[in-house]
Amino acid sequence: MDVQVIPQNDIEFLKQDNILGSGGFGVVVKVKYDGDIVALKRTKFNATVANQNAKLRQEAEKMSRLNHPRIVRFHGLAVCDGLVHIMMEYMEAGSLHQYLHEHASDPISCDQMWMFASDIAMGIKYLHSKNAFHQDLKAANVLLTIVDGVPRAKLSDFGLTGMLNFSEPNPCRLDLHFD
């Protein structure tokens, strides 16, 4: 599968309230692409350094194969100012980590907790069906969107995702049987 490489000229960088988060990888900013608001993970990968570029492209090809309602959608790679960045679905409600801190004094309903747990479990189940696993699953890497007024969770940050050969059976699989 070919990974879409989005030219810098096709990206509209927003002036205000555009920083969504930051970490060791760099900064995630809100941008406009093809009329939609999306997230751009600004990495430190130099587009001219062959081994970095090849590794990022390989990871991008794996990410482009993932398509599930509980996985943050990958749009493609963008080259801006000589650096390669990752473009993905914008999750307007932030991270589960932020949500939990914002609601620390306001109890979250059991229904909402079950919804988050179910969403995360469905995302993990899907990853495992694709012989993938998430090596850094934490509340900061679970992003939220609003569906019919209710926060729903999706797994993100696949830069640290372990991907196995898609054609091989999953050696990480553990089947439990209760007789």
Protein backbone atom coordinates (compact mmCIF):
# COMPACT_ATOMS: atom_id res chain seq x y z
CA MET A 1 0.00 0.00 0.00
CA ASP A 2 1.35 3.41 -0.96
CA VAL A 3 1.49 6.03 1.76
CA GLN A 4 0.13 9.41 0.77
CA VAL A 5 2.79 12.13 0.99
CA ILE A 6 1.11 15.47 1.47
CA PRO A 7 2.97 18.55 0.19
CA GLN A 8 3.44 21.49 2.55
CA ASN A 9 1.48 23.76 0.18
CA ASP A 10 -1.66 21.64 0.79
CA ILE A 11 -1.53 22.25 4.55
CA GLU A 12 -2.97 25.38 6.16
CA PHE A 13 -1.22 26.09 9.44
CA LEU A 14 -3.64 27.70 11.90
CA LYS A 15 -2.55 30.78 13.82
CA GLN A 16 -4.38 30.41 17.14
CA ASP A 17 -4.95 27.55 19.60
CA ASN A 18 -3.19 25.10 17.33
CA ILE A 19 -0.93 23.21 19.79
CA LEU A 20 -2.63 19.98 20.87
CA GLY A 21 0.23 18.37 22.79
CA SER A 22 3.95 17.79 23.00
CA GLY A 23 6.44 15.16 24.05
CA GLY A 24 9.80 13.67 23.23
CA PHE A 25 8.81 13.25 19.57
CA GLY A 26 8.04 16.94 19.09
CA VAL A 27 4.71 18.80 18.96
CA VAL A 28 1.22 17.91 17.70
CA VAL A 29 -0.55 20.84 16.07
CA LYS A 30 -4.00 21.38 14.62
CA VAL A 31 -3.91 22.18 10.88
CA LYS A 32 -6.36 22.34 8.00
CA TYR A 33 -6.02 19.88 5.13
CA ASP A 34 -8.47 19.38 2.26
CA GLY A 35 -11.05 21.51 4.12
CA ASP A 36 -10.91 19.45 7.33
CA ILE A 37 -9.20 20.02 10.67
CA VAL A 38 -6.56 17.31 11.24
CA ALA A 39 -3.66 16.75 13.63
CA LEU A 40 -0.07 17.01 12.45
CA LYS A 41 2.53 15.26 14.58
CA ARG A 42 5.65 17.33 13.92
CA THR A 43 8.54 14.89 14.24
CA LYS A 44 12.26 15.54 14.18
CA PHE A 45 12.80 13.14 11.26
CA ASN A 46 14.89 14.78 8.55
CA ALA A 47 13.42 14.04 5.12
CA THR A 48 16.89 13.73 3.55
CA VAL A 49 18.30 11.21 6.03
CA ALA A 50 17.67 7.90 4.25
CA ASN A 51 17.52 5.50 7.22
CA GLN A 52 15.20 7.76 9.25
CA ASN A 53 12.99 8.32 6.22
CA ALA A 54 12.84 4.58 5.40
CA LYS A 55 11.94 3.66 9.00
CA LEU A 56 9.23 6.31 9.17
CA ARG A 57 7.82 5.27 5.77
CA GLN A 58 7.75 1.62 6.90
CA GLU A 59 5.88 2.61 10.06
CA ALA A 60 3.52 4.78 7.98
CA GLU A 61 2.75 1.87 5.65
CA LYS A 62 1.81 -0.25 8.65
CA MET A 63 -0.33 2.54 10.11
CA SER A 64 -2.13 3.04 6.78
CA ARG A 65 -3.35 -0.58 6.93
CA LEU A 66 -5.16 0.02 10.20
CA ASN A 67 -8.82 0.91 9.73
CA HIS A 68 -11.13 0.61 12.72
CA PRO A 69 -13.54 2.94 14.56
CA ARG A 70 -11.48 2.61 17.77
CA ILE A 71 -8.13 3.49 16.12
CA VAL A 72 -7.14 7.09 15.31
CA ARG A 73 -7.16 7.32 11.50
CA PHE A 74 -3.84 7.92 9.73
CA HIS A 75 -4.02 10.32 6.75
CA GLY A 76 -0.44 10.30 5.47
CA LEU A 77 3.00 11.82 5.77
CA ALA A 78 3.72 15.50 5.25
CA VAL A 79 7.07 17.04 4.42
CA CYS A 80 7.39 20.53 5.86
CA ASP A 81 10.62 22.52 6.01
CA GLY A 82 12.65 19.39 5.28
CA LEU A 83 11.12 17.34 8.10
CA VAL A 84 8.69 14.42 7.79
CA HIS A 85 5.51 14.68 9.86
CA ILE A 86 2.56 12.37 10.52
CA MET A 87 -0.95 13.56 9.64
CA MET A 88 -3.82 11.92 11.50
CA GLU A 89 -7.42 12.33 12.52
CA TYR A 90 -8.13 15.28 14.82
CA MET A 91 -9.64 14.19 18.12
CA GLU A 92 -11.50 17.22 19.40
CA ALA A 93 -12.00 16.07 23.00
CA GLY A 94 -8.29 15.59 23.84
CA SER A 95 -6.84 12.61 25.66
CA LEU A 96 -8.30 10.28 28.27
CA HIS A 97 -5.52 11.54 30.57
CA GLN A 98 -6.82 15.12 30.24
CA TYR A 99 -10.42 13.96 30.66
CA LEU A 100 -9.67 12.08 33.88
CA HIS A 101 -7.83 15.07 35.36
CA GLU A 102 -10.59 17.49 34.36
CA HIS A 103 -13.17 15.22 36.03
CA ALA A 104 -11.11 14.38 39.14
CA SER A 105 -13.60 16.04 41.50
CA ASP A 106 -16.62 15.09 39.38
CA PRO A 107 -17.23 11.31 39.40
CA ILE A 108 -17.41 9.63 36.00
CA SER A 109 -20.46 7.42 35.61
CA CYS A 110 -20.09 3.65 35.50
CA ASP A 111 -21.63 3.69 32.03
CA GLN A 112 -18.96 6.10 30.79
CA MET A 113 -16.15 4.05 32.39
CA TRP A 114 -17.51 0.91 30.72
CA MET A 115 -17.74 2.77 27.39
CA PHE A 116 -14.06 3.80 27.63
CA ALA A 117 -13.01 0.28 28.66
CA SER A 118 -15.03 -1.26 25.83
CA ASP A 119 -13.64 1.18 23.25
CA ILE A 120 -10.06 0.48 24.34
CA ALA A 121 -10.63 -3.28 24.39
CA MET A 122 -12.13 -3.18 20.86
CA GLY A 123 -9.11 -1.21 19.63
CA ILE A 124 -6.68 -3.67 21.21
CA LYS A 125 -8.62 -6.64 19.84
CA TYR A 126 -8.44 -5.13 16.36
CA LEU A 127 -4.68 -4.48 16.67
CA HIS A 128 -4.12 -8.07 17.78
CA SER A 129 -6.17 -9.33 14.81
CA LYS A 130 -3.65 -7.48 12.62
CA ASN A 131 -0.66 -8.97 14.48
CA ALA A 132 0.07 -5.62 16.08
CA PHE A 133 0.41 -4.56 19.68
CA HIS A 134 0.64 -1.20 21.38
CA GLN A 135 3.85 -0.85 23.37
CA ASP A 136 2.87 2.37 25.15
CA LEU A 137 -0.80 2.06 26.04
CA LYS A 138 -1.62 4.73 28.61
CA ALA A 139 -4.32 7.34 29.14
CA ALA A 140 -2.30 9.99 27.24
CA ASN A 141 -2.33 7.72 24.15
CA VAL A 142 -6.09 7.17 24.24
CA LEU A 143 -7.74 10.08 22.44
CA LEU A 144 -11.38 11.12 22.66
CA THR A 145 -13.97 12.22 20.16
CA ILE A 146 -17.59 13.15 20.78
CA VAL A 147 -20.26 10.90 19.20
CA ASP A 148 -23.89 11.88 19.83
CA GLY A 149 -22.78 13.98 22.81
CA VAL A 150 -20.82 11.13 24.42
CA PRO A 151 -17.01 10.88 24.67
CA ARG A 152 -15.67 7.83 22.80
CA ALA A 153 -12.09 6.53 22.92
CA LYS A 154 -9.62 5.67 20.16
CA LEU A 155 -6.08 4.32 20.43
CA SER A 156 -3.25 6.50 19.15
CA ASP A 157 0.50 7.05 19.09
CA PHE A 158 1.57 4.20 16.88
CA GLY A 159 5.15 5.40 16.60
CA LEU A 160 5.82 2.94 19.41
CA THR A 161 3.57 0.21 18.08
CA GLY A 162 5.13 -3.18 17.53
CA MET A 163 4.08 -4.62 14.21
CA LEU A 164 4.72 -8.17 13.24
CA ASN A 165 4.50 -9.63 9.77
CA PHE A 166 0.82 -9.28 8.80
CA SER A 167 0.85 -12.72 7.16
CA GLU A 168 2.12 -14.65 10.19
CA PRO A 169 -0.03 -15.90 13.07
CA ASN A 170 0.18 -13.74 16.18
CA PRO A 171 2.78 -15.26 18.57
CA CYS A 172 1.59 -12.86 21.29
CA ARG A 173 -1.88 -14.37 21.32
CA LEU A 174 -3.03 -15.99 24.52
CA ASP A 175 -6.17 -18.09 24.40
CA LEU A 176 -7.87 -18.80 27.71
CA HIS A 177 -10.13 -21.81 28.00
CA PHE A 178 -12.38 -22.49 30.97
CA ASP A 179 -13.53 -26.09 31.15
